[in-house]
Every structure is written in structure tokens, then in C-alpha cells.
Protein backbone atom coordinates (compact mmCIF):
# COMPACT_ATOMS: atom_id res chain seq x y z
CA UNK A 1 97.47 -5.10 72.94
CA UNK A 2 98.10 -8.48 71.78
CA UNK A 3 98.31 -9.12 67.81
CA UNK A 4 97.06 -7.11 64.70
CA UNK A 5 95.79 -9.01 62.24
CA UNK A 6 97.02 -7.85 58.52
CA UNK A 7 96.33 -8.24 54.83
CA UNK A 8 99.42 -10.29 54.01
CA UNK A 9 99.39 -12.70 56.62
CA UNK A 10 98.58 -13.68 59.95
CA UNK A 11 100.02 -10.98 62.38
CA UNK A 12 101.86 -7.65 61.41
CA UNK A 13 102.72 -6.57 65.30
CA UNK A 14 103.29 -8.00 68.56
CA UNK A 15 102.50 -5.42 71.18
CA UNK A 16 102.88 -7.84 74.07
CA UNK A 17 105.83 -9.88 75.79
CA UNK A 18 104.53 -12.90 74.26
CA UNK A 19 107.13 -12.67 71.24
CA UNK A 20 108.72 -16.34 72.21
CA UNK A 21 107.14 -19.51 72.75
CA UNK A 22 108.11 -21.71 76.19
CA UNK A 23 110.43 -23.53 73.75
CA UNK A 24 112.28 -20.47 72.48
CA UNK A 25 110.78 -20.68 69.15
CA UNK A 26 109.35 -17.03 68.09
CA UNK A 27 106.39 -16.00 66.64
CA UNK A 28 107.32 -16.14 62.67
CA UNK A 29 109.81 -19.27 63.64
CA UNK A 30 112.96 -17.46 62.26
CA UNK A 31 115.28 -19.82 64.34
CA UNK A 32 113.72 -22.83 62.58
CA UNK A 33 116.79 -23.11 60.27
CA UNK A 34 119.18 -22.95 62.79
CA UNK A 35 118.04 -25.91 64.93
CA UNK A 36 118.66 -29.70 63.51
CA UNK A 37 115.74 -31.21 61.67
CA UNK A 38 115.59 -34.22 64.29
CA UNK A 39 115.34 -31.39 67.30
CA UNK A 40 113.02 -29.58 65.46
CA UNK A 41 110.84 -32.88 64.77
CA UNK A 42 110.98 -33.58 68.57
CA UNK A 43 110.04 -29.88 70.08
CA UNK A 44 107.16 -30.55 67.67
CA UNK A 45 106.15 -33.61 69.12
CA UNK A 46 106.14 -32.14 72.56
CA UNK A 47 103.99 -29.60 71.21
CA UNK A 48 101.21 -32.24 69.77
CA UNK A 49 101.17 -33.87 72.87
CA UNK A 50 100.48 -30.25 74.78
CA UNK A 51 97.91 -29.45 72.07
CA UNK A 52 96.40 -32.77 72.40
CA UNK A 53 96.01 -32.48 76.48
CA UNK A 54 94.41 -28.88 75.84
CA UNK A 55 91.61 -30.61 73.64
CA UNK A 56 90.64 -33.74 75.71
CA UNK A 57 90.60 -30.85 78.78
CA UNK A 58 88.11 -28.39 76.56
CA UNK A 59 86.23 -31.60 75.50
CA UNK A 60 85.26 -32.73 78.91
CA UNK A 61 84.91 -29.09 80.27
CA UNK A 62 82.72 -28.40 77.92
CA UNK A 63 80.64 -31.49 77.05
CA UNK A 64 80.92 -31.15 73.52
CA UNK A 65 81.50 -33.15 70.88
CA UNK A 66 84.19 -33.93 67.72
CA UNK A 67 87.02 -34.61 69.91
CA UNK A 68 88.34 -37.68 67.42
CA UNK A 69 88.12 -34.85 64.49
CA UNK A 70 90.08 -32.71 66.58
CA UNK A 71 92.82 -35.12 67.51
CA UNK A 72 93.51 -36.24 64.17
CA UNK A 73 94.42 -33.05 62.72
CA UNK A 74 96.60 -32.00 65.80
CA UNK A 75 100.29 -32.82 64.24
CA UNK A 76 99.35 -31.09 60.94
CA UNK A 77 98.43 -28.07 62.66
CA UNK A 78 101.61 -28.22 65.03
CA UNK A 79 103.72 -28.48 61.95
CA UNK A 80 101.99 -25.36 60.06
CA UNK A 81 101.93 -23.00 63.25
CA UNK A 82 105.20 -23.82 64.90
CA UNK A 83 107.47 -24.64 61.70
CA UNK A 84 105.97 -24.05 58.21
CA UNK A 85 104.05 -20.77 58.39
CA UNK A 86 105.61 -17.42 58.26
CA UNK A 87 103.40 -15.70 60.80
CA UNK A 88 103.82 -12.66 59.24
CA UNK A 89 102.72 -13.36 55.49
CA UNK A 90 101.11 -16.66 55.39
CA UNK A 91 97.27 -17.37 56.21
CA UNK A 92 95.21 -20.31 57.57
CA UNK A 93 91.69 -21.40 57.17
CA UNK A 94 90.46 -24.57 58.78
CA UNK A 95 87.71 -25.51 56.51
CA UNK A 96 86.61 -28.74 58.72
CA UNK A 97 85.68 -26.53 61.51
CA UNK A 98 84.27 -29.16 63.78
CA UNK A 99 88.08 -29.87 64.52
CA UNK A 100 88.31 -26.41 66.04
CA UNK A 101 89.48 -27.48 69.34
CA UNK A 102 93.00 -28.25 68.39
CA UNK A 103 93.14 -24.69 66.18
CA UNK A 104 92.04 -22.84 69.04
CA UNK A 105 94.49 -24.35 71.20
CA UNK A 106 97.20 -23.84 68.85
CA UNK A 107 96.36 -20.02 68.66
CA UNK A 108 96.67 -19.75 72.09
CA UNK A 109 99.85 -21.51 72.74
CA UNK A 110 101.06 -18.95 69.71
CA UNK A 111 99.98 -16.29 72.12
CA UNK A 112 97.53 -14.93 69.51
CA UNK A 113 95.33 -14.85 72.34
CA UNK A 114 95.26 -16.00 76.25
CA UNK A 115 95.09 -19.84 77.24
CA UNK A 116 92.09 -18.65 79.29
CA UNK A 117 90.14 -17.71 76.48
CA UNK A 118 90.18 -21.88 76.03
CA UNK A 119 87.85 -22.03 79.40
CA UNK A 120 85.11 -20.44 77.29
CA UNK A 121 84.98 -22.91 74.53
CA UNK A 122 81.42 -24.13 73.63
CA UNK A 123 80.23 -22.23 76.94
CA UNK A 124 77.45 -19.74 76.80
CA UNK A 125 78.20 -16.21 76.07
CA UNK A 126 81.93 -17.53 75.67
CA UNK A 127 84.04 -16.41 72.47
CA UNK A 128 84.91 -19.70 71.29
CA UNK A 129 82.01 -21.71 70.04
CA UNK A 130 82.01 -25.28 68.51
CA UNK A 131 83.06 -23.99 65.14
CA UNK A 132 85.56 -21.07 64.22
CA UNK A 133 83.61 -17.56 64.62
CA UNK A 134 84.35 -14.54 62.28
CA UNK A 135 87.11 -13.54 65.03
CA UNK A 136 86.85 -9.39 63.83
CA UNK A 137 83.04 -9.88 64.79
CA UNK A 138 83.63 -11.92 67.80
CA UNK A 139 86.54 -10.43 69.10
CA UNK A 140 88.99 -13.62 68.51
CA UNK A 141 92.28 -12.53 67.58
CA UNK A 142 93.50 -14.69 64.59
CA UNK A 143 90.64 -16.03 62.85
CA UNK A 144 89.22 -13.94 60.16
CA UNK A 145 87.04 -16.64 58.56
CA UNK A 146 84.03 -18.20 60.27
CA UNK A 147 83.90 -21.93 58.95
CA UNK A 148 81.58 -25.07 60.14
CA UNK A 149 79.72 -24.86 57.05
CA UNK A 150 81.59 -27.77 54.76
CA UNK A 151 83.04 -27.10 51.41
CA UNK A 152 83.91 -23.33 51.55
CA UNK A 153 87.40 -23.01 53.12
CA UNK A 154 89.13 -23.87 49.75
CA UNK A 155 86.93 -20.94 47.54
CA UNK A 156 87.81 -18.98 50.30
CA UNK A 157 91.67 -19.70 50.55
CA UNK A 158 91.82 -19.44 46.82
CA UNK A 159 90.09 -16.14 46.54
CA UNK A 160 92.61 -14.76 48.92
CA UNK A 161 95.55 -16.50 46.93
CA UNK A 162 94.36 -14.67 43.92
CA UNK A 163 94.33 -11.53 45.69
CA UNK A 164 97.66 -11.74 46.82
CA UNK A 165 98.93 -12.66 43.38
CA UNK A 166 97.13 -9.44 41.97
CA UNK A 167 98.19 -6.96 44.15
CA UNK A 168 101.72 -8.30 44.27
CA UNK A 169 101.78 -9.67 48.07
CA UNK A 170 104.19 -12.55 49.18
CA UNK A 171 102.96 -15.12 51.51
CA UNK A 172 101.29 -18.67 50.84
CA UNK A 173 97.40 -19.65 51.63
CA UNK A 174 97.06 -22.58 53.68
CA UNK A 175 93.80 -24.67 54.19
CA UNK A 176 92.96 -27.71 56.15
CA UNK A 177 90.00 -29.87 54.68
CA UNK A 178 88.09 -33.14 55.84
CA UNK A 179 87.96 -36.23 53.88
CA UNK A 180 84.55 -36.12 54.46
CA UNK A 181 84.18 -32.61 53.14
CA UNK A 182 85.61 -33.77 50.09
CA UNK A 183 81.98 -35.13 49.13
CA UNK A 184 81.18 -31.28 48.62
CA UNK A 185 80.81 -30.32 45.28
CA UNK A 186 82.20 -27.16 45.54
CA UNK A 187 85.68 -28.42 46.93
CA UNK A 188 86.33 -29.95 43.43
CA UNK A 189 84.70 -26.67 41.45
CA UNK A 190 87.23 -24.86 43.47
CA UNK A 191 90.10 -27.07 42.93
CA UNK A 192 89.19 -27.01 39.24
CA UNK A 193 89.40 -23.24 39.19
CA UNK A 194 92.63 -23.18 40.97
CA UNK A 195 94.55 -25.30 38.30
CA UNK A 196 92.92 -23.03 35.37
CA UNK A 197 94.09 -20.06 37.30
CA UNK A 198 97.28 -21.12 37.83
CA UNK A 199 97.24 -20.38 41.55
CA UNK A 200 100.55 -21.60 42.97
CA UNK A 201 100.48 -19.99 46.24
CA UNK A 202 98.07 -22.14 48.14
CA UNK A 203 98.26 -25.40 49.79
CA UNK A 204 95.76 -27.71 50.94
CA UNK A 205 95.54 -30.33 53.26
CA UNK A 206 92.99 -33.24 53.53
CA UNK A 207 93.13 -34.55 56.76
CA UNK A 208 91.88 -38.16 55.92
CA UNK A 209 90.91 -39.95 58.95
CA UNK A 210 88.78 -42.17 57.07
CA UNK A 211 85.39 -41.35 58.87
CA UNK A 212 82.81 -38.80 59.09
CA UNK A 213 79.66 -38.31 61.32
CA UNK A 214 77.65 -41.28 60.25
CA UNK A 215 80.54 -44.06 59.19
CA UNK A 216 83.55 -44.60 56.49
CA UNK A 217 84.34 -42.29 54.08
CA UNK A 218 84.90 -44.27 50.66
CA UNK A 219 88.41 -45.25 50.03
CA UNK A 220 88.72 -43.78 46.78
CA UNK A 221 92.08 -42.41 45.40
CA UNK A 222 92.52 -38.97 46.44
CA UNK A 223 95.83 -38.42 44.98
CA UNK A 224 94.95 -39.58 41.68
CA UNK A 225 91.66 -37.54 41.55
CA UNK A 226 93.67 -34.24 42.91
CA UNK A 227 96.17 -34.77 40.09
CA UNK A 228 93.52 -35.34 37.71
CA UNK A 229 92.28 -31.45 38.74
CA UNK A 230 95.74 -30.32 37.61
CA UNK A 231 97.40 -30.29 41.17
CA UNK A 232 100.53 -31.26 42.84
CA UNK A 233 99.27 -34.13 45.22
CA UNK A 234 101.77 -36.03 48.01
CA UNK A 235 100.13 -38.61 50.29
CA UNK A 236 101.90 -38.62 53.71
CA UNK A 237 101.23 -39.91 57.14
CA UNK A 238 99.71 -37.19 58.79
CA UNK A 239 100.57 -38.13 62.30
CA UNK A 240 103.99 -38.00 61.61
CA UNK A 241 106.01 -35.11 62.39
CA UNK A 242 108.70 -35.65 60.03
CA UNK A 243 106.97 -37.11 57.05
CA UNK A 244 104.76 -33.96 57.24
CA UNK A 245 107.55 -31.96 57.18
CA UNK A 246 108.88 -33.60 54.02
CA UNK A 247 105.63 -32.99 52.34
CA UNK A 248 105.13 -29.64 52.95
CA UNK A 249 109.37 -28.87 51.73
CA UNK A 250 108.22 -30.63 48.79
CA UNK A 251 105.40 -28.39 47.81
CA UNK A 252 107.18 -25.30 48.74
CA UNK A 253 108.94 -25.45 45.83
CA UNK A 254 106.51 -26.65 43.03
CA UNK A 255 104.79 -24.28 40.48
CA UNK A 256 101.07 -25.69 40.61
CA UNK A 257 98.54 -25.67 43.26
CA UNK A 258 99.71 -28.50 45.92
CA UNK A 259 97.66 -30.49 48.64
CA UNK A 260 99.02 -33.01 51.05
CA UNK A 261 96.43 -36.30 51.71
CA UNK A 262 97.43 -36.43 55.07
CA UNK A 263 96.44 -40.00 56.45
CA UNK A 264 95.49 -39.84 59.94
CA UNK A 265 93.65 -41.88 62.73
CA UNK A 266 90.69 -40.17 63.89
CA UNK A 267 91.09 -39.98 67.59
CA UNK A 268 94.94 -40.09 67.33
CA UNK A 269 96.81 -40.11 70.70
CA UNK A 270 94.10 -41.93 72.74
CA UNK A 271 94.06 -45.84 72.21
CA UNK A 272 90.43 -46.26 73.18
CA UNK A 273 89.08 -42.89 70.86
CA UNK A 274 91.25 -43.83 67.94
CA UNK A 275 89.04 -45.12 65.28
CA UNK A 276 85.72 -45.40 67.13
CA UNK A 277 82.83 -43.22 65.60
CA UNK A 278 81.41 -42.60 68.97
CA UNK A 279 83.99 -40.23 69.90
CA UNK A 280 82.71 -37.77 67.14
CA UNK A 281 79.95 -37.40 69.52
CA UNK A 282 80.93 -38.22 73.11
CA UNK A 283 83.09 -36.19 75.43
CA UNK A 284 85.45 -37.78 78.16
CA UNK A 285 84.35 -38.60 81.45
CA UNK A 286 86.63 -37.89 84.78
CA UNK A 287 88.28 -41.17 84.36
CA UNK A 288 88.32 -41.20 80.69
CA UNK A 289 90.02 -38.06 80.98
CA UNK A 290 92.64 -39.18 83.57
CA UNK A 291 93.27 -42.23 81.38
CA UNK A 292 93.76 -39.94 78.39
CA UNK A 293 96.03 -37.70 80.13
CA UNK A 294 98.39 -40.71 81.00
CA UNK A 295 98.43 -42.14 77.73
CA UNK A 296 99.53 -38.55 75.84
CA UNK A 297 102.21 -38.06 78.71
CA UNK A 298 103.86 -41.34 78.11
CA UNK A 299 103.81 -40.98 74.22
């Protein structure tokens, strides 16, 4: 029982009782158009706090790294999965696989798999490794593409988007990249191909937290660079729900491949983790976990 993946989108059937999340939003978010934008933003902000709580818990329990990378993209993932994406037609790939704690937490809260599976994160014999697995092989619903070797997610998403067009299948592809990942030449080869092939059913998001494993990322003009490759590019605050929703709304109406340069903060939501390189590697101890919970709950 549970969810069943399809070639078209994320899921085609829901065979259990998990057809509504705790806020009354159904899996494909069909009532998002009846709530006011202000109310939807408040709901998404609540989801962001909940996902951040999961992330710090997973990092603490597993004693594993990459908490900063996971926290920076929480708001992006919440916008996508709880508002923007049609779960029956659209599909998502996390190309910056090391940020997967937030991805796993969102999938669990969407009832794609059970919350109890989060306890297996980075554990021997567990189903949730430190980078997303190929779910079909490892028995993890909702993840078809294993990632972690950086620079490949965009190319895979473009292949899926092109296949949709050839086979006349509705829906969009969404892919989340890291800014450090954009050092990979394969990202720009993919960007060039997308524009040349006029693939317009894809939206890429660059989590621009300005940091990577060994320091800061070069501060080039990312918007101009993507535009030079033939993409519609929008820069926005990647930790602001309202700004993100406006960016997604704008790109969905355009006729070229689209990219959002989402300016974020590594470790967002936990003051002592924000913009601190050590949290690319560290995990919170008991005292730090308690402090993190207090900050999240008071946000």
C-alpha cells in the first residue's frame, strides 16, 4: 500500500488514508487556489519550521554532516511540495544530494513514506543514506533518481522534460542545484542544450547560500550568466516564502527554460549555524539541539 510512482509525475494513486496533510492540504494541493495568499504563506512558514525541526533531529541522531546545506533549502522545498508542484504531474530532483535531510523530511510529511523512516537516516542498514538513493532499488517511495555526485541532476531533469514533450505528457520538471555545484561544466552543457532544444517545461532552482565545502563561492552575476545561456532567470530571497511564490508564478507563465537564483543562508533558522562553515561538517550536540529547537519554535 502507500504511493505508486508514475512516468508522468510524482504519484498516481494513494492507497492509504494519508490523502490529507495536517493542515488540510491534499496531496496535489487542490485547495491552494481558494485560500488567500497571506494564509498560504503562513501555512508554508509553519511547514518550514516543522521541517527544520526534523533536520536538526536527524543530524543529531545520526551524527552526520551537511546540516547547513539542508537548512538553507528548506523554504524552497516547502514551497515546491506544499504549494507549487502538482504531485500527480510534476517531478522533482534534488541535484545537491547532500542537502537531502530536508528532502526526506518533506517527503515524510507529504506521506510519501512514513515519518518513522526518518529514524533510519544515515544508519547502518537504513533506507535513507546521506545522499538520495534510487528509491526503486532501495525501496524508498518518491525518489526515482539517486544523486550526490554533483552536476548531473539538471541533465537528468532535462532528459525527462524532453521525453514529456516527445510523448505529449503534461507536467513540469523541477530541479534544485547548489551554487557550488554550478562549478561543474556539465551544468552549463545542460543549460546550453535546454535553450537550444527550446525545453520550456523545466524550472531549475539554484540554492545560492554562497558557501561550499571548503569556503565561499565566487560571487559572479548568476542571473546574467543563466540569461546568456538562453534561460529566463529570476533572482529572489530563497528564504522568504512570499518572494519564492512570486518567482515560481512568474516563471510558470514564460516560454523558455526557467531558473530561480534563490539567495539563501547556509544554516538558515539556527543563528549559531548561519554562515558558519563548520556546520557543513558538524552535527549538533544535546545542548545545541535544545537551543536549535527554541529558535525554531520562536521563529
